[in-house]
Protein backbone atom coordinates (compact mmCIF):
# COMPACT_ATOMS: atom_id res chain seq x y z
CA MET A 1 109.57 109.74 71.75
CA LEU A 2 108.59 106.80 73.27
CA MET A 3 109.76 106.13 77.29
CA SER A 4 112.94 104.40 77.22
CA LEU A 5 113.19 100.85 76.94
CA PRO A 6 113.62 99.57 81.09
CA SER A 7 110.81 101.95 82.34
CA HIS A 8 108.99 100.80 78.61
CA ARG A 9 109.16 97.04 80.19
CA LYS A 10 108.79 98.11 83.75
CA ARG A 11 105.04 99.22 81.85
CA LEU A 12 103.78 96.71 80.22
CA LEU A 13 105.02 93.94 82.56
CA THR A 14 103.10 95.54 85.66
CA ALA A 15 100.11 96.00 83.43
CA LEU A 16 100.59 92.66 82.54
CA THR A 17 100.48 91.30 85.73
CA LEU A 18 97.55 93.38 86.81
CA VAL A 19 95.94 92.15 83.43
CA ILE A 20 95.93 88.85 84.94
CA LEU A 21 95.18 89.26 88.03
CA LEU A 22 91.60 91.42 87.08
CA VAL A 23 91.30 88.29 84.47
CA ALA A 24 91.07 85.50 86.95
CA GLY A 25 89.25 87.90 89.65
CA ILE A 26 86.49 88.12 86.51
CA PHE A 27 86.52 84.56 86.02
CA ALA A 28 86.48 83.42 89.42
CA GLY A 29 83.46 86.05 90.23
CA GLY A 30 82.39 85.67 93.82
CA TRP A 31 84.00 86.34 96.78
CA PRO A 32 87.69 86.43 95.23
CA LEU A 33 86.64 89.31 92.69
CA ARG A 34 84.50 90.84 95.77
CA LEU A 35 88.29 91.43 98.00
CA LEU A 36 90.07 91.80 94.41
CA VAL A 37 87.64 95.24 94.60
CA THR A 38 87.65 95.96 97.94
CA ALA A 39 91.96 95.96 97.98
CA ALA A 40 91.71 98.20 95.20
CA ALA A 41 89.46 100.30 96.60
CA CYS A 42 91.43 100.75 100.33
CA LEU A 43 94.48 101.06 97.87
CA ALA A 44 93.33 103.82 96.50
CA LEU A 45 91.99 105.39 98.98
CA TYR A 46 94.91 105.65 101.14
CA GLU A 47 96.24 107.38 98.33
CA PHE A 48 93.72 110.01 97.93
CA PHE A 49 93.75 110.75 101.92
CA THR A 50 97.67 110.86 102.04
CA MET A 51 97.46 113.14 99.40
CA SER A 52 94.45 114.89 100.56
CA LEU A 53 94.95 115.27 104.22
CA GLY A 54 98.82 114.54 104.44
CA PRO A 55 101.00 112.02 106.19
CA ALA A 56 100.08 112.72 109.38
CA SER A 57 96.05 112.05 109.34
CA PRO A 58 94.28 109.26 111.00
CA CYS A 59 92.21 109.29 108.27
CA ARG A 60 94.95 107.77 105.44
CA PHE A 61 93.99 104.25 107.70
CA VAL A 62 90.81 104.54 108.73
CA GLY A 63 89.10 105.80 105.38
CA PRO A 64 90.58 102.95 103.37
CA VAL A 65 88.81 100.39 106.51
CA LEU A 66 85.82 102.35 105.76
CA GLY A 67 85.52 102.68 101.82
CA GLY A 68 86.37 98.31 102.41
CA LEU A 69 83.65 98.40 104.37
CA LEU A 70 81.25 100.00 102.02
CA VAL A 71 82.46 97.82 99.01
CA LEU A 72 82.36 94.29 100.60
CA SER A 73 78.25 95.44 101.58
CA GLN A 74 77.68 95.16 97.80
CA ALA A 75 77.30 91.73 99.21
CA GLY A 76 74.27 92.18 101.29
CA GLY A 77 72.64 94.25 98.23
CA PRO A 78 72.30 98.13 97.53
CA MET A 79 70.67 98.72 100.97
CA TRP A 80 72.82 97.92 102.50
CA THR A 81 75.38 100.25 100.76
CA LEU A 82 72.81 103.11 101.26
CA SER A 83 72.27 102.59 104.66
CA LEU A 84 76.36 102.21 105.52
CA LEU A 85 76.44 105.35 103.19
CA CYS A 86 74.61 107.76 104.99
CA LEU A 87 76.07 106.21 108.39
CA TYR A 88 79.42 107.19 107.50
CA VAL A 89 78.20 111.14 106.70
CA CYS A 90 76.06 111.12 110.13
CA ALA A 91 79.31 109.86 111.48
CA LEU A 92 81.15 113.22 110.09
CA GLY A 93 78.68 115.21 111.38
CA GLY A 94 78.76 113.81 114.03
CA PHE A 95 82.67 114.46 114.11
CA PHE A 96 82.60 117.93 113.22
CA LEU A 97 80.00 118.94 115.62
CA PHE A 98 82.53 117.40 118.99
CA ASP A 99 85.59 118.80 116.94
CA PHE A 100 83.40 122.39 116.29
CA SER A 101 82.74 122.48 119.94
CA ARG A 102 86.03 121.76 121.07
CA SER A 103 87.59 124.19 118.70
CA LYS A 104 85.38 127.52 120.20
CA GLY A 105 83.99 127.52 116.91
CA GLN A 106 86.94 127.60 114.90
CA ALA A 107 86.69 124.27 113.29
CA LYS A 108 85.59 124.61 109.42
CA ALA A 109 82.83 122.07 108.12
CA THR A 110 85.10 122.43 104.35
CA ALA A 111 87.71 119.83 106.35
CA TYR A 112 85.36 117.45 106.29
CA ALA A 113 85.12 117.58 102.24
CA ALA A 114 87.78 115.70 101.70
CA PRO A 115 87.03 112.50 103.91
CA ALA A 116 82.81 112.98 101.88
CA LEU A 117 84.59 112.83 98.23
CA GLY A 118 87.17 110.04 99.02
CA LEU A 119 84.41 107.72 100.14
CA LEU A 120 81.60 108.44 97.14
CA TYR A 121 84.73 108.76 94.22
CA ILE A 122 86.03 105.20 94.62
CA PRO A 123 84.53 103.02 96.92
CA LEU A 124 80.96 103.68 96.06
CA LEU A 125 82.02 104.22 92.19
CA LEU A 126 84.15 101.00 92.02
CA HIS A 127 81.61 98.55 93.81
CA LEU A 128 79.47 99.02 90.78
CA ALA A 129 81.70 96.47 88.96
CA LEU A 130 80.43 94.07 91.69
CA TYR A 131 76.77 94.54 90.00
CA LEU A 132 77.83 93.80 86.68
CA SER A 133 78.20 90.47 84.44
CA PRO A 134 81.58 89.20 83.75
CA ALA A 135 81.13 90.11 80.25
CA GLU A 136 80.00 93.58 81.51
CA GLN A 137 83.02 93.94 83.74
CA SER A 138 85.54 93.06 80.36
CA LEU A 139 83.78 95.11 78.06
CA ILE A 140 84.58 98.00 80.84
CA MET A 141 87.66 97.62 81.58
CA LEU A 142 88.61 96.43 77.68
CA ALA A 143 87.29 99.62 76.82
CA VAL A 144 88.99 101.64 79.28
CA ALA A 145 92.17 99.79 78.70
CA ALA A 146 91.76 101.21 74.73
CA THR A 147 91.31 104.18 75.51
CA ASP A 148 94.53 103.97 77.72
CA SER A 149 96.47 102.68 75.26
CA GLY A 150 95.18 104.16 72.85
CA GLY A 151 95.61 108.01 73.66
CA TYR A 152 98.50 106.99 74.94
CA TYR A 153 100.65 105.78 72.23
CA ALA A 154 98.77 107.90 70.06
CA GLY A 155 99.61 110.99 71.81
CA THR A 156 103.66 110.36 72.39
CA LEU A 157 104.23 109.09 68.32
CA TRP A 158 102.04 111.98 67.42
CA GLY A 159 101.16 114.07 70.19
CA LYS A 160 101.28 117.79 69.01
CA ARG A 161 98.34 119.91 69.90
CA LYS A 162 97.63 120.01 73.81
CA LEU A 163 93.71 118.89 74.77
CA TRP A 164 93.51 120.97 78.23
CA PRO A 165 97.49 121.86 79.02
CA ALA A 166 95.59 123.82 82.55
CA VAL A 167 94.35 119.73 83.72
CA SER A 168 96.57 117.46 82.27
CA PRO A 169 99.73 119.13 80.07
CA ASN A 170 100.68 115.38 78.67
CA LYS A 171 97.03 114.58 76.55
CA SER A 172 97.33 115.84 73.19
CA TRP A 173 94.14 116.11 70.83
CA GLU A 174 95.59 113.56 68.55
CA GLY A 175 95.94 111.21 71.74
CA LEU A 176 92.23 111.61 72.31
CA PHE A 177 91.43 110.29 69.11
CA GLY A 178 94.25 107.50 69.42
CA GLY A 179 92.32 106.49 72.75
CA LEU A 180 89.04 107.01 70.98
CA LEU A 181 89.11 105.17 67.30
CA LEU A 182 90.50 102.37 69.55
CA CYS A 183 87.65 102.55 71.98
CA LEU A 184 85.37 101.75 69.26
CA ALA A 185 86.91 98.67 67.85
CA ALA A 186 87.14 97.30 70.87
CA CYS A 187 83.61 97.72 71.90
CA ALA A 188 82.35 97.08 68.29
CA ALA A 189 84.37 94.04 68.29
CA GLN A 190 83.30 92.82 72.29
CA GLY A 191 79.58 93.61 70.77
CA TYR A 192 79.99 90.90 67.65
CA ILE A 193 82.04 88.67 69.59
CA ALA A 194 78.90 88.49 72.56
CA GLN A 195 76.12 88.35 70.23
CA THR A 196 77.91 85.42 68.22
CA LEU A 197 78.74 83.47 71.66
CA HIS A 198 75.60 84.75 73.16
CA TRP A 199 77.42 86.23 76.46
CA ASN A 200 75.67 88.31 78.35
CA LEU A 201 75.44 91.74 77.15
CA PRO A 202 73.38 94.31 75.60
CA ARG A 203 72.52 93.10 72.25
CA PHE A 204 72.72 96.50 70.64
CA PRO A 205 73.75 96.93 66.53
CA LEU A 206 76.81 98.30 65.52
CA TRP A 207 75.91 101.79 65.81
CA GLY A 208 74.84 100.76 69.43
CA TRP A 209 78.50 99.72 70.17
CA LEU A 210 79.78 102.55 68.62
CA LEU A 211 77.71 104.88 70.72
CA THR A 212 78.52 102.79 73.88
CA GLY A 213 82.43 102.65 72.51
CA LEU A 214 82.16 107.40 72.43
CA PHE A 215 80.82 106.85 75.93
CA LEU A 216 82.73 105.11 77.62
CA HIS A 217 86.01 106.45 76.11
CA GLN A 218 84.32 110.04 77.21
CA ALA A 219 83.97 108.62 80.73
CA ALA A 220 87.35 107.37 81.14
CA LEU A 221 88.52 110.26 79.62
CA PHE A 222 87.26 112.05 82.46
CA GLY A 223 88.14 110.24 85.14
CA ASP A 224 91.18 110.60 84.04
CA LEU A 225 91.29 114.62 83.68
CA PHE A 226 89.73 114.76 86.70
CA GLU A 227 92.46 112.98 88.84
CA SER A 228 95.41 115.06 87.22
CA ALA A 229 93.19 117.90 87.89
CA LEU A 230 93.15 116.94 92.09
CA LYS A 231 96.68 115.74 91.59
CA ARG A 232 97.46 119.50 90.22
CA SER A 233 96.20 121.03 92.90
CA LEU A 234 96.98 118.90 95.57
CA GLY A 235 100.94 119.44 94.18
CA VAL A 236 101.44 115.75 93.57
CA LYS A 237 102.56 114.18 90.48
CA ASP A 238 101.12 110.53 90.76
CA SER A 239 98.76 109.16 93.32
CA GLY A 240 101.01 106.80 94.83
CA THR A 241 104.67 104.40 93.53
CA LEU A 242 103.05 100.90 93.95
CA LEU A 243 102.63 100.48 90.62
CA PRO A 244 105.78 100.65 88.65
CA GLY A 245 105.52 102.55 85.74
CA HIS A 246 101.81 103.71 86.36
CA GLY A 247 102.42 105.43 89.84
CA GLY A 248 99.46 104.30 92.50
CA MET A 249 96.43 102.69 92.10
CA LEU A 250 94.51 105.50 92.11
CA ASP A 251 96.37 106.70 89.05
CA ARG A 252 95.49 103.21 87.78
CA ILE A 253 91.85 102.69 87.82
CA ASP A 254 90.63 107.30 87.82
CA SER A 255 89.35 106.16 83.87
CA LEU A 256 87.77 103.18 85.30
CA LEU A 257 85.97 105.02 88.28
CA PHE A 258 83.80 107.41 85.78
CA ALA A 259 83.43 104.42 82.89
CA LEU A 260 81.17 102.50 85.58
CA PRO A 261 78.58 104.69 86.37
CA ALA A 262 78.40 105.68 82.84
CA TYR A 263 78.24 102.17 81.68
CA THR A 264 75.95 101.58 84.53
CA ALA A 265 73.46 103.95 82.92
CA ILE A 266 73.40 102.97 79.37
CA ARG A 267 72.14 99.90 80.42
CA LEU A 268 69.73 101.06 82.51
CA ILE A 269 68.95 103.03 79.90
CA ALA A 270 68.42 100.39 77.20
CA THR A 271 66.55 98.07 79.48
CA ALA A 272 63.60 100.21 80.13
CA CYS A 273 63.42 101.73 76.11
CA ALA A 274 63.47 97.97 75.80
CA ALA A 275 61.09 97.35 78.04
């Protein structure tokens, strides 16, 4: 059964607010969009470090600042982002070295895995959106929303066979196919509209858009499952409570984080084949 009406209204109201912010950011582009992506990355990183390192860790505050700088570095081009990421790796190595010397060899290198993963997982993946056109950004957002909404409602109404209970006990095969069908329809529709209105999207035939929808659906689904496994391994239900009806910011962008590199790879392959 669907969630209670007040909870459902809260979920829809939160989703509507996020959609308005996203549409405004995509329409504005430039620095407004860059700041919106930076804010999302910082909030998600704060939740990530709180879950993985605990509420007493200073990384809860230092990590989001570093992640925000990583997103903002996109304004200078890929070399700025790559250089900043390399500096972070060197800095983590330096912190481990001093920690190891002070603790007389008791410090563990694995303790620095969470800060490294957080910077790679959230701001590095999320900043890819800033290299895409507004039409491409809209396509990915639509595919992720279709995967999430189709999966949620199909799974809630008809879900009986569990998809992967060890990772996410609420997901079902019926939800997977519901999300897939809606994602395929959304990508095919936007591809047709893009070609009619000459939007800045690849000029794929129908089968190309269906294949794109399939890849984006799978990427979004695995992004969701990855975050579910991450939360279960840390013993938490939601990454935070920032978004009523949705949990935390990381809960909301988990699918997007995997869909962005998936679409970027599709575009790079299509460009290489067309050359």
